[in-house]
Amino acid sequence: MRGRLNGYSSLMPWAGQDITGQREQFVVKATSRNQPFKEICGFYGISRTTGYKWVSRYEELGNLRDLKERSRRPHQVPNKTVPDIEWRVLALRDRVGWCARKLAAVLRQQNIQLAASTVHDILRRNKRIGIENSNWAAWMIQVLLADDPLPQLQREFPNAIELSRLAHFISAGRLRERKKAMAVVASLKRIPVMATAKCLQILPRAVNRYFNRYGTGGTTELFRRRRAIGKKDDEQDKQFLFSVLHSPPSAYGINRTSWKMDDLHRILTETGHRMSHERIRRTIKTAGFRWRKAKVVLTSTDPDYRAKLDEIKKILSNLKEDEAFFSIDEYGPFAVKRKGGRKRVGPGEKYVVPQWQKSKGWTIITAALELSANQVTHFYSRKKNTEEMIKMTDLLREKYWARRTIYLSWDAASWHISNKLVSYLESINERAARDSRPIVKTAPLPACSQFLNVIESVFSGMARAIIHNSDYPSLAEAKQAINRYFKERNEHFRNFPKRAGGKIWGLERVPSEFSEGHNCKDPRY
């Protein structure tokens, strides 16, 4: 109620400084019952719900002084860090003096899972950070202005190395050297990095960098002059960068056919051409290299699309620990010859692949992805038929013999739904208990819905990394690269268990999870 009411102009809800006093006046008027309750609430600019709340609280407590706002802090905090872990965080902070992010990383190595923000709150709550100590700046100024700071440093840091050289640079060094030495001394004193940076007028990361250099190689590393990069060195680094970029990654022992930024940086560093990630990107972009891509849209034409999709979702949502769900499909046939694909192309450089090439061999990859453990099982064949599906079924039954039930999900290809395959599955299910093997059930995908088949995402990632831009000399070497790719992928998810979908391995098109919104099938591969 905002307008005039019985001659009174309405106020904003609990307006003014003395809000508690207004509540007391409201309760007195409301309990006197001389005016309608609605009019009193309108005068104070509050709703009747709020009015009843304060009248009820007054009747409950019987004391006007208790009408002040109560704390909204919860009575219980279910996820509160236990005192023992807080003590370990504070002890580690007092010992090494690191920031919350570094402390959280060290604690994770000790199997204590705390977010950096949680560690920061613990430090701030226990007054380890966020408090300006006026003695810090005064202590640093005292050391900087001392004629000979060595005696004071020896008293405070008896176990520190090369204190005489630090004291020399503090008293007689150039400005940059004095700041470096003082930053190290302040770190030994465990003065917060922000306070040191503010006093010395340098960046906080510079303080950490100086102390890390001192810890690595003493004052020799701290005051070592950095080699300036001249035009000659810059041109040599640039020429070597493009010589690496034009070479296949396999020439440097990398099981890929296109370069990643991390691989480029590592190879350049190992060969003595130190270039940062940003400098590499800038050099490549200046030379005119560009990425090119295309967009593809796929649509299913199955009239039972929704029913089949809901059935698969139901199976996955109720999947038990003794059950396994497999996404199965074939990749190929593909020929081993020089392949095209996306790559960086320099200005004026022609990137062509001959249309007519002599094949060095061909094969088909039949693979199954287990969604719970994110493991790929594959083999090579020369056909796409029911016998290959029976072979994959037997392989999965042997490998996952301890499971009670396994589900096989594949597209609507004829050999996936043949009468021979259905009869074979019925026969093995009848003797499953006697053979101590799991029961096999099928969960077919809708027709023309390769984009829902999760294994297609894995195939797309494998093709981009292993077949994209490839030129293998033989079928055996192509198979060796593919085997190594799947082996490394499976080892990663065994070491870091995660259901299919949390991590994209290499350049897989989408996360390896069943989702209606995904386009797993990449028609270029």
Protein backbone atom coordinates (compact mmCIF):
# COMPACT_ATOMS: atom_id res chain seq x y z
CA MET A 1 0.00 0.00 0.00
CA ARG A 2 1.72 3.17 -1.22
CA GLY A 3 -0.95 5.94 -1.20
CA ARG A 4 -2.57 7.94 1.63
CA LEU A 5 -4.50 5.96 4.21
CA ASN A 6 -6.77 7.67 6.81
CA GLY A 7 -4.81 10.90 6.50
CA TYR A 8 -1.43 9.25 6.92
CA SER A 9 1.17 9.26 4.17
CA SER A 10 2.69 5.79 3.80
CA LEU A 11 6.36 5.25 4.53
CA MET A 12 8.94 2.97 2.93
CA PRO A 13 9.11 -0.35 4.84
CA TRP A 14 10.94 0.31 8.13
CA ALA A 15 12.42 3.56 6.72
CA GLY A 16 14.90 5.65 8.70
CA GLN A 17 17.72 4.87 11.08
CA ASP A 18 15.77 3.61 14.12
CA ILE A 19 14.19 0.51 12.60
CA THR A 20 13.86 -1.25 15.97
CA GLY A 21 11.99 1.76 17.35
CA GLN A 22 9.53 1.69 14.45
CA ARG A 23 8.87 -1.98 15.09
CA GLU A 24 8.15 -1.22 18.76
CA GLN A 25 5.67 1.52 17.76
CA PHE A 26 4.02 -0.82 15.25
CA VAL A 27 3.62 -3.60 17.83
CA VAL A 28 2.15 -1.19 20.39
CA LYS A 29 -0.44 0.10 17.89
CA ALA A 30 -1.22 -3.38 16.58
CA THR A 31 -1.77 -4.89 20.03
CA SER A 32 -3.93 -1.95 21.19
CA ARG A 33 -6.51 -2.87 18.50
CA ASN A 34 -7.64 0.78 18.12
CA GLN A 35 -7.17 0.65 14.33
CA PRO A 36 -7.69 -2.03 11.73
CA PHE A 37 -4.56 -4.14 11.37
CA LYS A 38 -4.51 -3.58 7.60
CA GLU A 39 -4.41 0.22 8.05
CA ILE A 40 -1.53 0.02 10.56
CA CYS A 41 0.51 -2.14 8.19
CA GLY A 42 -0.21 0.29 5.36
CA PHE A 43 0.98 3.22 7.46
CA TYR A 44 4.34 1.54 8.09
CA GLY A 45 4.62 0.35 4.49
CA ILE A 46 4.78 -3.36 5.29
CA SER A 47 2.68 -6.36 4.33
CA ARG A 48 0.30 -8.02 6.74
CA THR A 49 2.51 -11.13 6.68
CA THR A 50 5.43 -9.08 8.01
CA GLY A 51 3.16 -7.40 10.55
CA TYR A 52 1.89 -10.70 11.93
CA LYS A 53 5.49 -11.92 12.14
CA TRP A 54 6.57 -9.10 14.50
CA VAL A 55 3.38 -9.25 16.58
CA SER A 56 3.88 -13.00 17.00
CA ARG A 57 7.50 -12.52 18.02
CA TYR A 58 6.49 -9.87 20.60
CA GLU A 59 3.82 -12.12 22.07
CA GLU A 60 6.33 -14.99 22.16
CA LEU A 61 9.10 -13.02 23.90
CA GLY A 62 7.12 -10.39 25.74
CA ASN A 63 9.98 -7.90 25.54
CA LEU A 64 10.13 -4.97 23.09
CA ARG A 65 13.91 -4.88 23.25
CA ASP A 66 14.01 -8.21 21.41
CA LEU A 67 12.48 -6.80 18.20
CA LYS A 68 15.86 -6.24 16.61
CA GLU A 69 16.84 -8.24 13.53
CA ARG A 70 18.07 -11.72 14.36
CA SER A 71 21.16 -13.29 12.86
CA ARG A 72 20.49 -15.19 9.64
CA ARG A 73 23.46 -17.44 10.19
CA PRO A 74 22.46 -21.13 9.98
CA HIS A 75 22.51 -23.14 13.18
CA GLN A 76 24.34 -26.03 11.50
CA VAL A 77 26.84 -26.17 8.63
CA PRO A 78 26.88 -29.73 7.25
CA ASN A 79 29.97 -29.23 5.07
CA LYS A 80 32.04 -27.33 7.63
CA THR A 81 35.72 -28.26 7.61
CA VAL A 82 36.65 -30.32 10.66
CA PRO A 83 39.05 -28.69 13.19
CA ASP A 84 41.81 -31.24 12.56
CA ILE A 85 42.01 -30.35 8.86
CA GLU A 86 41.86 -26.62 9.67
CA TRP A 87 44.81 -27.12 12.01
CA ARG A 88 46.78 -28.85 9.24
CA VAL A 89 46.01 -26.00 6.83
CA LEU A 90 47.20 -23.40 9.34
CA ALA A 91 50.32 -25.42 10.22
CA LEU A 92 51.25 -25.73 6.54
CA ARG A 93 50.64 -22.02 6.01
CA ASP A 94 52.85 -21.10 8.98
CA ARG A 95 55.60 -23.40 7.73
CA VAL A 96 55.77 -22.43 4.04
CA GLY A 97 53.79 -19.17 3.86
CA TRP A 98 52.14 -20.02 0.52
CA CYS A 99 48.87 -18.72 -0.90
CA ALA A 100 45.57 -20.61 -0.76
CA ARG A 101 45.91 -22.04 -4.28
CA LYS A 102 49.33 -23.58 -3.63
CA LEU A 103 48.25 -24.86 -0.21
CA ALA A 104 45.20 -26.54 -1.77
CA ALA A 105 47.41 -28.26 -4.36
CA VAL A 106 49.77 -29.60 -1.67
CA LEU A 107 46.82 -30.77 0.45
CA ARG A 108 45.38 -32.67 -2.51
CA GLN A 109 48.63 -34.62 -2.69
CA GLN A 110 47.99 -35.58 0.94
CA ASN A 111 44.43 -36.77 0.03
CA ILE A 112 42.80 -33.71 1.62
CA GLN A 113 40.32 -32.38 -0.94
CA LEU A 114 39.77 -28.68 -0.24
CA ALA A 115 38.97 -25.96 -2.75
CA ALA A 116 41.30 -22.96 -2.88
CA SER A 117 38.40 -20.73 -1.82
CA THR A 118 37.85 -22.88 1.29
CA VAL A 119 41.54 -22.68 2.20
CA HIS A 120 41.38 -18.90 1.70
CA ASP A 121 38.37 -18.64 4.08
CA ILE A 122 40.21 -20.71 6.72
CA LEU A 123 43.27 -18.45 6.50
CA ARG A 124 41.20 -15.27 6.65
CA ARG A 125 39.06 -16.56 9.53
CA ASN A 126 42.19 -17.37 11.54
CA LYS A 127 43.79 -14.00 10.70
CA ARG A 128 46.60 -15.41 8.59
CA ILE A 129 45.70 -13.11 5.70
CA GLY A 130 43.74 -9.92 5.22
CA ILE A 131 45.42 -8.10 8.13
CA GLU A 132 47.84 -5.31 7.47
CA ASN A 133 50.74 -5.42 9.88
CA SER A 134 52.30 -1.99 10.09
CA ASN A 135 55.55 -3.53 11.35
CA TRP A 136 56.18 -5.28 8.01
CA ALA A 137 56.82 -2.12 6.01
CA ALA A 138 58.81 -0.59 8.87
CA TRP A 139 60.99 -3.72 9.14
CA MET A 140 61.72 -3.75 5.40
CA ILE A 141 62.58 -0.03 5.37
CA GLN A 142 64.88 -0.56 8.35
CA VAL A 143 66.76 -3.32 6.49
CA LEU A 144 66.96 -1.27 3.28
CA LEU A 145 68.34 1.83 5.03
CA ALA A 146 70.84 -0.03 7.24
CA ASP A 147 74.53 0.60 6.47
CA ASP A 148 75.26 -3.09 7.03
CA PRO A 149 72.11 -5.28 7.24
CA LEU A 150 74.15 -8.51 7.52
CA PRO A 151 74.26 -8.74 11.38
CA GLN A 152 70.48 -8.29 11.60
CA LEU A 153 69.84 -10.88 8.87
CA GLN A 154 72.17 -13.39 10.52
CA ARG A 155 70.30 -13.02 13.82
CA GLU A 156 66.87 -13.52 12.22
CA PHE A 157 67.78 -16.16 9.60
CA PRO A 158 70.70 -18.19 10.96
CA ASN A 159 70.07 -21.10 8.59
CA ALA A 160 69.59 -19.13 5.36
CA ILE A 161 72.18 -19.51 2.60
CA GLU A 162 74.34 -16.73 1.10
CA LEU A 163 73.13 -14.02 3.48
CA SER A 164 76.33 -12.02 2.92
CA ARG A 165 75.58 -11.67 -0.82
CA LEU A 166 71.97 -10.73 -0.13
CA ALA A 167 73.13 -8.10 2.37
CA HIS A 168 75.68 -6.79 -0.17
CA PHE A 169 73.05 -6.30 -2.88
CA ILE A 170 70.60 -4.71 -0.41
CA SER A 171 73.13 -2.06 0.64
CA ALA A 172 75.24 -1.56 -2.52
CA GLY A 173 73.34 -3.03 -5.45
CA ARG A 174 71.41 -1.29 -8.16
CA LEU A 175 67.69 -0.61 -7.63
CA ARG A 176 66.54 -3.78 -9.40
CA GLU A 177 69.07 -5.89 -7.48
CA ARG A 178 68.08 -4.31 -4.17
CA LYS A 179 64.43 -5.13 -4.83
CA LYS A 180 65.28 -8.73 -5.72
CA ALA A 181 67.35 -9.24 -2.58
CA MET A 182 64.76 -7.51 -0.38
CA ALA A 183 61.94 -9.64 -1.86
CA VAL A 184 63.87 -12.81 -0.93
CA VAL A 185 64.56 -11.54 2.60
CA ALA A 186 60.88 -10.59 3.05
CA SER A 187 59.87 -14.08 1.90
CA LEU A 188 62.26 -15.58 4.46
CA LYS A 189 60.56 -13.37 7.03
CA ARG A 190 57.21 -14.82 5.84
CA ILE A 191 55.82 -11.41 5.07
CA PRO A 192 52.74 -11.79 2.80
CA VAL A 193 53.50 -11.47 -0.87
CA MET A 194 50.99 -8.65 -1.37
CA ALA A 195 52.54 -6.60 1.43
CA THR A 196 56.06 -7.14 0.03
CA ALA A 197 54.96 -6.22 -3.51
CA LYS A 198 53.20 -3.10 -2.27
CA CYS A 199 56.22 -1.92 -0.28
CA LEU A 200 58.75 -2.62 -3.07
CA GLN A 201 56.37 -1.47 -5.84
CA ILE A 202 56.69 -4.66 -7.89
CA LEU A 203 54.19 -7.29 -9.02
CA PRO A 204 53.25 -10.09 -6.58
CA ARG A 205 54.26 -12.74 -9.11
CA ALA A 206 57.72 -11.12 -9.28
CA VAL A 207 58.13 -11.72 -5.53
CA ASN A 208 57.32 -15.40 -5.97
CA ARG A 209 59.58 -15.68 -9.00
CA TYR A 210 62.57 -14.16 -7.19
CA PHE A 211 62.13 -16.43 -4.17
CA ASN A 212 61.76 -19.51 -6.38
CA ARG A 213 64.99 -18.66 -8.21
CA TYR A 214 66.77 -18.18 -4.89
CA GLY A 215 65.49 -21.53 -3.66
CA THR A 216 66.57 -23.23 -6.89
CA GLY A 217 70.09 -21.88 -7.37
CA GLY A 218 70.81 -19.39 -4.63
CA THR A 219 71.97 -15.86 -5.42
CA THR A 220 73.72 -17.07 -8.59
CA GLU A 221 70.37 -17.94 -10.15
CA LEU A 222 68.64 -14.93 -8.57
CA PHE A 223 70.99 -12.34 -10.07
CA ARG A 224 71.83 -14.21 -13.28
CA ARG A 225 71.48 -11.93 -16.26
CA ARG A 226 68.94 -13.05 -18.80
CA ARG A 227 70.07 -13.34 -22.40
CA ALA A 228 68.43 -10.66 -24.48
CA ILE A 229 66.74 -11.97 -27.60
CA GLY A 230 68.21 -10.22 -30.60
CA LYS A 231 66.96 -10.14 -34.16
CA LYS A 232 69.28 -12.98 -35.13
CA ASP A 233 68.10 -15.23 -32.31
CA ASP A 234 64.47 -14.31 -32.99
CA GLU A 235 64.83 -15.24 -36.67
CA GLN A 236 66.48 -18.55 -35.76
CA ASP A 237 63.68 -19.41 -33.34
CA LYS A 238 61.10 -18.49 -35.98
CA GLN A 239 62.74 -20.61 -38.67
CA PHE A 240 63.03 -23.59 -36.32
CA LEU A 241 59.38 -23.17 -35.25
CA PHE A 242 58.14 -23.45 -38.82
CA SER A 243 60.50 -26.34 -39.57
CA VAL A 244 58.89 -28.20 -36.64
CA LEU A 245 55.39 -27.12 -37.68
CA HIS A 246 55.92 -28.45 -41.20
CA SER A 247 57.21 -31.78 -39.87
CA PRO A 248 54.86 -34.54 -38.70
CA PRO A 249 54.66 -34.93 -34.89
CA SER A 250 55.66 -38.58 -35.29
CA ALA A 251 59.16 -37.38 -36.29
CA TYR A 252 59.55 -36.24 -32.65
CA GLY A 253 58.04 -39.36 -31.07
CA ILE A 254 54.52 -37.93 -30.68
CA ASN A 255 51.66 -40.25 -31.58
CA ARG A 256 49.64 -37.61 -33.44
CA THR A 257 49.33 -36.31 -36.96
CA SER A 258 48.75 -32.63 -36.12
CA TRP A 259 50.51 -30.35 -33.68
CA LYS A 260 49.19 -29.12 -30.33
CA MET A 261 50.50 -25.97 -28.65
CA ASP A 262 51.86 -27.87 -25.64
CA ASP A 263 53.78 -30.26 -27.90
CA LEU A 264 55.26 -27.37 -29.92
CA HIS A 265 56.35 -25.57 -26.75
CA ARG A 266 57.94 -28.72 -25.31
CA ILE A 267 59.89 -29.58 -28.48
CA LEU A 268 61.16 -25.99 -28.84
CA THR A 269 62.28 -25.91 -25.21
CA GLU A 270 64.06 -29.27 -25.46
CA THR A 271 65.97 -28.12 -28.56
CA GLY A 272 67.17 -24.85 -27.00
CA HIS A 273 64.64 -22.51 -28.66
CA ARG A 274 62.80 -21.07 -25.67
CA MET A 275 59.53 -19.49 -26.79
CA SER A 276 56.46 -18.81 -24.69
CA HIS A 277 53.01 -20.01 -25.72
CA GLU A 278 51.98 -16.45 -26.52
CA ARG A 279 55.05 -15.82 -28.65
CA ILE A 280 54.44 -19.06 -30.59
CA ARG A 281 50.82 -18.07 -31.23
CA ARG A 282 51.79 -14.56 -32.30
CA THR A 283 54.49 -15.84 -34.68
CA ILE A 284 52.14 -18.37 -36.29
CA LYS A 285 49.32 -15.84 -36.62
CA THR A 286 51.63 -13.19 -38.11
CA ALA A 287 52.78 -15.71 -40.73
CA GLY A 288 49.17 -16.06 -41.92
CA PHE A 289 48.29 -19.55 -40.70
CA ARG A 290 44.57 -20.09 -40.08
CA TRP A 291 42.21 -22.88 -38.97
CA ARG A 292 39.28 -23.84 -41.21
CA LYS A 293 36.18 -25.84 -40.29
CA ALA A 294 32.67 -26.74 -41.52
CA LYS A 295 29.26 -27.26 -39.90
CA VAL A 296 27.13 -30.38 -40.41
CA VAL A 297 23.59 -31.11 -39.18
CA LEU A 298 22.16 -34.65 -38.84
CA THR A 299 18.52 -35.69 -38.34
CA SER A 300 16.86 -39.03 -37.54
CA THR A 301 13.90 -40.26 -39.63
CA ASP A 302 12.82 -43.11 -37.32
CA PRO A 303 9.06 -42.89 -36.47
CA ASP A 304 9.77 -44.63 -33.11
CA TYR A 305 12.60 -42.22 -32.31
CA ARG A 306 11.19 -41.00 -28.97
CA ALA A 307 10.23 -44.45 -27.68
CA LYS A 308 13.67 -45.96 -28.41
CA LEU A 309 15.41 -42.94 -26.94
CA ASP A 310 13.37 -43.07 -23.72
CA GLU A 311 14.12 -46.79 -23.35
CA ILE A 312 17.88 -46.18 -23.53
CA LYS A 313 17.63 -43.33 -21.04
CA LYS A 314 15.68 -45.58 -18.66
CA ILE A 315 18.37 -48.29 -18.85
CA LEU A 316 21.20 -45.81 -18.22
CA SER A 317 19.43 -44.11 -15.32
CA ASN A 318 18.86 -47.47 -13.56
CA LEU A 319 22.21 -49.07 -14.44
CA LYS A 320 23.56 -51.08 -11.47
CA GLU A 321 27.15 -51.82 -10.47
CA ASP A 322 26.96 -55.40 -11.76
CA GLU A 323 25.69 -54.24 -15.17
CA ALA A 324 27.51 -52.67 -18.13
CA PHE A 325 26.28 -50.64 -21.09
CA PHE A 326 28.24 -50.70 -24.38
CA SER A 327 28.06 -48.39 -27.36
CA ILE A 328 29.15 -50.43 -30.40
CA ASP A 329 29.91 -49.51 -33.99
CA GLU A 330 32.38 -49.95 -36.86
CA TYR A 331 34.81 -47.43 -38.28
CA GLY A 332 35.62 -47.85 -41.94
CA PRO A 333 36.46 -49.46 -44.18
CA PHE A 334 39.28 -47.00 -44.63
CA ALA A 335 42.35 -47.23 -46.82
CA VAL A 336 45.88 -46.50 -45.65
CA LYS A 337 47.10 -43.69 -47.88
CA ARG A 338 47.86 -40.02 -47.68
CA LYS A 339 44.93 -38.28 -45.94
CA GLY A 340 43.71 -34.72 -45.93
CA GLY A 341 42.15 -32.74 -43.11
CA ARG A 342 42.44 -29.52 -41.13
CA LYS A 343 45.92 -28.13 -40.72
CA ARG A 344 47.72 -24.82 -40.57
CA VAL A 345 48.53 -23.58 -44.06
CA GLY A 346 51.00 -20.78 -44.67
CA PRO A 347 50.39 -17.92 -47.11
CA GLY A 348 50.94 -19.00 -50.70
CA GLU A 349 51.33 -22.65 -49.69
CA LYS A 350 49.19 -25.16 -51.60
CA TYR A 351 47.74 -27.93 -49.48
CA VAL A 352 46.52 -30.69 -51.77
CA VAL A 353 46.07 -34.45 -51.54
CA PRO A 354 46.17 -36.48 -54.78
CA GLN A 355 42.78 -37.86 -55.71
CA TRP A 356 44.20 -41.07 -57.18
CA GLN A 357 46.52 -42.93 -54.83
CA LYS A 358 47.59 -46.53 -54.52
CA SER A 359 46.24 -47.97 -51.31
CA LYS A 360 48.73 -49.54 -48.87
CA GLY A 361 46.00 -51.70 -47.33
CA TRP A 362 42.59 -51.30 -45.74
CA THR A 363 40.71 -52.46 -42.66
CA ILE A 364 37.63 -51.96 -40.50
CA ILE A 365 37.72 -51.15 -36.77
CA THR A 366 34.95 -52.71 -34.69
CA ALA A 367 34.86 -51.18 -31.20
CA ALA A 368 32.72 -51.04 -28.05
CA LEU A 369 32.79 -48.28 -25.43
CA GLU A 370 31.79 -49.21 -21.85
CA LEU A 371 30.15 -46.05 -20.50
CA SER A 372 30.72 -46.64 -16.77
CA ALA A 373 34.50 -47.17 -16.86
CA ASN A 374 35.09 -45.35 -20.18
CA GLN A 375 37.03 -48.29 -21.63
CA VAL A 376 37.28 -49.14 -25.35
CA THR A 377 37.47 -52.73 -26.64
CA HIS A 378 38.34 -53.07 -30.32
CA PHE A 379 39.54 -55.44 -33.02
CA TYR A 380 40.16 -55.30 -36.78
CA SER A 381 38.14 -57.10 -39.42
CA ARG A 382 37.53 -57.19 -43.16
CA LYS A 383 33.75 -57.36 -43.08
CA LYS A 384 30.68 -55.80 -41.53
CA ASN A 385 28.33 -58.67 -40.85
CA THR A 386 26.62 -60.71 -38.14
CA GLU A 387 29.72 -62.87 -37.52
CA GLU A 388 31.67 -59.78 -36.45
CA MET A 389 28.89 -58.81 -34.03
CA ILE A 390 28.93 -62.33 -32.59
CA LYS A 391 32.69 -62.05 -32.22
CA MET A 392 32.32 -58.73 -30.35
CA THR A 393 29.60 -60.23 -28.12
CA ASP A 394 31.80 -63.18 -27.16
CA LEU A 395 34.75 -60.86 -26.53
CA LEU A 396 32.70 -58.68 -24.18
CA ARG A 397 31.22 -61.71 -22.39
CA GLU A 398 34.73 -63.03 -21.69
CA LYS A 399 36.16 -59.65 -20.67
CA TYR A 400 33.22 -58.69 -18.41
CA TRP A 401 32.37 -62.18 -17.16
CA ALA A 402 31.84 -60.92 -13.59
CA ARG A 403 28.88 -58.71 -14.61
CA ARG A 404 25.32 -59.95 -14.30
CA THR A 405 23.95 -58.21 -17.39
CA ILE A 406 25.52 -56.35 -20.31
CA TYR A 407 23.61 -54.10 -22.72
CA LEU A 408 24.68 -53.74 -26.35
CA SER A 409 23.62 -50.53 -28.08
CA TRP A 410 24.18 -50.02 -31.81
CA ASP A 411 22.57 -48.39 -34.81
CA ALA A 412 19.92 -49.88 -37.10
CA ALA A 413 22.31 -51.55 -39.57
CA SER A 414 21.00 -54.85 -40.94
CA TRP A 415 23.73 -57.00 -39.37
CA HIS A 416 22.95 -55.47 -35.94
CA ILE A 417 19.34 -56.68 -36.00
CA SER A 418 19.61 -59.88 -38.07
CA ASN A 419 17.64 -62.99 -37.14
CA LYS A 420 20.88 -64.95 -36.84
CA LEU A 421 22.22 -62.52 -34.21
CA VAL A 422 18.94 -62.56 -32.28
CA SER A 423 18.93 -66.38 -32.24
CA TYR A 424 22.54 -66.48 -31.07
CA LEU A 425 21.84 -64.08 -28.19
CA GLU A 426 18.85 -66.18 -27.11
CA SER A 427 20.98 -69.35 -27.12
CA ILE A 428 23.82 -67.89 -25.03
CA ASN A 429 21.37 -66.34 -22.56
CA GLU A 430 19.78 -69.75 -21.98
CA ARG A 431 23.10 -71.20 -20.85
CA ALA A 432 24.48 -67.99 -19.26
CA ALA A 433 24.09 -69.28 -15.69
CA ARG A 434 25.70 -72.61 -16.56
CA ASP A 435 28.64 -70.93 -18.33
CA SER A 436 29.07 -68.27 -15.57
CA ARG A 437 28.67 -65.52 -18.12
CA PRO A 438 26.49 -62.39 -18.13
CA ILE A 439 23.10 -62.13 -19.81
CA VAL A 440 23.24 -60.09 -23.02
CA LYS A 441 20.47 -57.61 -23.84
CA THR A 442 20.21 -55.15 -26.72
CA ALA A 443 19.22 -51.47 -26.71
CA PRO A 444 19.07 -50.46 -30.39
CA LEU A 445 19.34 -46.82 -31.40
CA PRO A 446 16.75 -45.14 -33.64
CA ALA A 447 17.39 -45.35 -37.37
CA CYS A 448 19.61 -42.66 -38.93
CA SER A 449 20.82 -41.51 -35.51
CA GLN A 450 24.58 -42.05 -35.65
CA PHE A 451 24.88 -38.73 -33.84
CA LEU A 452 23.52 -40.48 -30.70
CA ASN A 453 26.02 -43.33 -30.82
CA VAL A 454 28.62 -42.43 -28.20
CA ILE A 455 31.38 -44.55 -29.77
CA GLU A 456 31.19 -42.26 -32.82
CA SER A 457 32.64 -39.46 -30.69
CA VAL A 458 35.59 -41.68 -29.77
CA PHE A 459 36.06 -42.63 -33.43
CA SER A 460 36.03 -38.95 -34.43
CA GLY A 461 38.69 -38.11 -31.84
CA MET A 462 40.83 -41.05 -32.92
CA ALA A 463 40.53 -40.06 -36.58
CA ARG A 464 41.51 -36.46 -35.92
CA ALA A 465 44.56 -37.46 -33.91
CA ILE A 466 45.70 -40.60 -35.77
CA ILE A 467 44.26 -40.60 -39.31
CA HIS A 468 43.84 -36.86 -39.95
CA ASN A 469 46.77 -35.64 -42.15
CA SER A 470 48.39 -39.10 -41.95
CA ASP A 471 50.63 -40.85 -44.46
CA TYR A 472 51.48 -44.24 -42.89
CA PRO A 473 53.84 -46.42 -44.94
CA SER A 474 51.86 -49.62 -44.25
CA LEU A 475 48.69 -51.01 -42.71
CA ALA A 476 50.69 -52.50 -39.83
CA GLU A 477 52.01 -49.09 -38.76
CA ALA A 478 48.54 -47.58 -39.00
CA LYS A 479 47.16 -50.33 -36.74
CA GLN A 480 50.06 -49.80 -34.32
CA ALA A 481 49.22 -46.10 -33.99
CA ILE A 482 45.52 -46.84 -33.48
CA ASN A 483 46.29 -49.50 -30.84
CA ARG A 484 48.54 -47.08 -29.00
CA TYR A 485 45.84 -44.39 -29.07
CA PHE A 486 43.19 -46.65 -27.50
CA LYS A 487 45.71 -48.05 -25.00
CA GLU A 488 46.69 -44.58 -23.76
CA ARG A 489 43.03 -43.57 -23.58
CA ASN A 490 42.07 -46.64 -21.53
CA GLU A 491 45.07 -46.23 -19.20
CA HIS A 492 44.12 -42.62 -18.53
CA PHE A 493 40.62 -43.51 -17.39
CA ARG A 494 41.87 -46.47 -15.35
CA ASN A 495 44.23 -44.13 -13.48
CA PHE A 496 41.59 -41.40 -13.22
CA PRO A 497 38.25 -43.26 -13.02
CA LYS A 498 35.43 -41.30 -14.54
CA ARG A 499 32.23 -42.17 -16.34
CA ALA A 500 32.15 -41.46 -20.05
CA GLY A 501 31.30 -37.80 -20.48
CA GLY A 502 33.44 -35.93 -17.94
CA LYS A 503 36.54 -35.64 -20.10
CA ILE A 504 37.13 -35.23 -23.82
CA TRP A 505 40.08 -37.41 -24.80
CA GLY A 506 42.29 -35.72 -27.40
CA LEU A 507 40.02 -34.19 -30.02
CA GLU A 508 36.82 -36.18 -29.56
CA ARG A 509 33.94 -34.31 -31.06
CA VAL A 510 31.77 -34.17 -27.92
CA PRO A 511 32.03 -35.69 -24.40
CA SER A 512 31.60 -39.48 -24.52
CA GLU A 513 28.17 -39.60 -22.93
CA PHE A 514 24.70 -40.45 -24.17
CA SER A 515 22.83 -37.19 -24.76
CA GLU A 516 20.09 -36.29 -27.19
CA GLY A 517 21.71 -32.92 -27.83
CA HIS A 518 25.06 -34.38 -28.92
CA ASN A 519 26.29 -34.79 -32.47
CA CYS A 520 28.78 -37.62 -31.94
CA LYS A 521 29.08 -38.54 -35.62
CA ASP A 522 31.59 -36.45 -37.56
CA PRO A 523 30.85 -37.15 -41.25
CA ARG A 524 34.37 -36.14 -42.29
CA TYR A 525 35.83 -39.19 -40.52
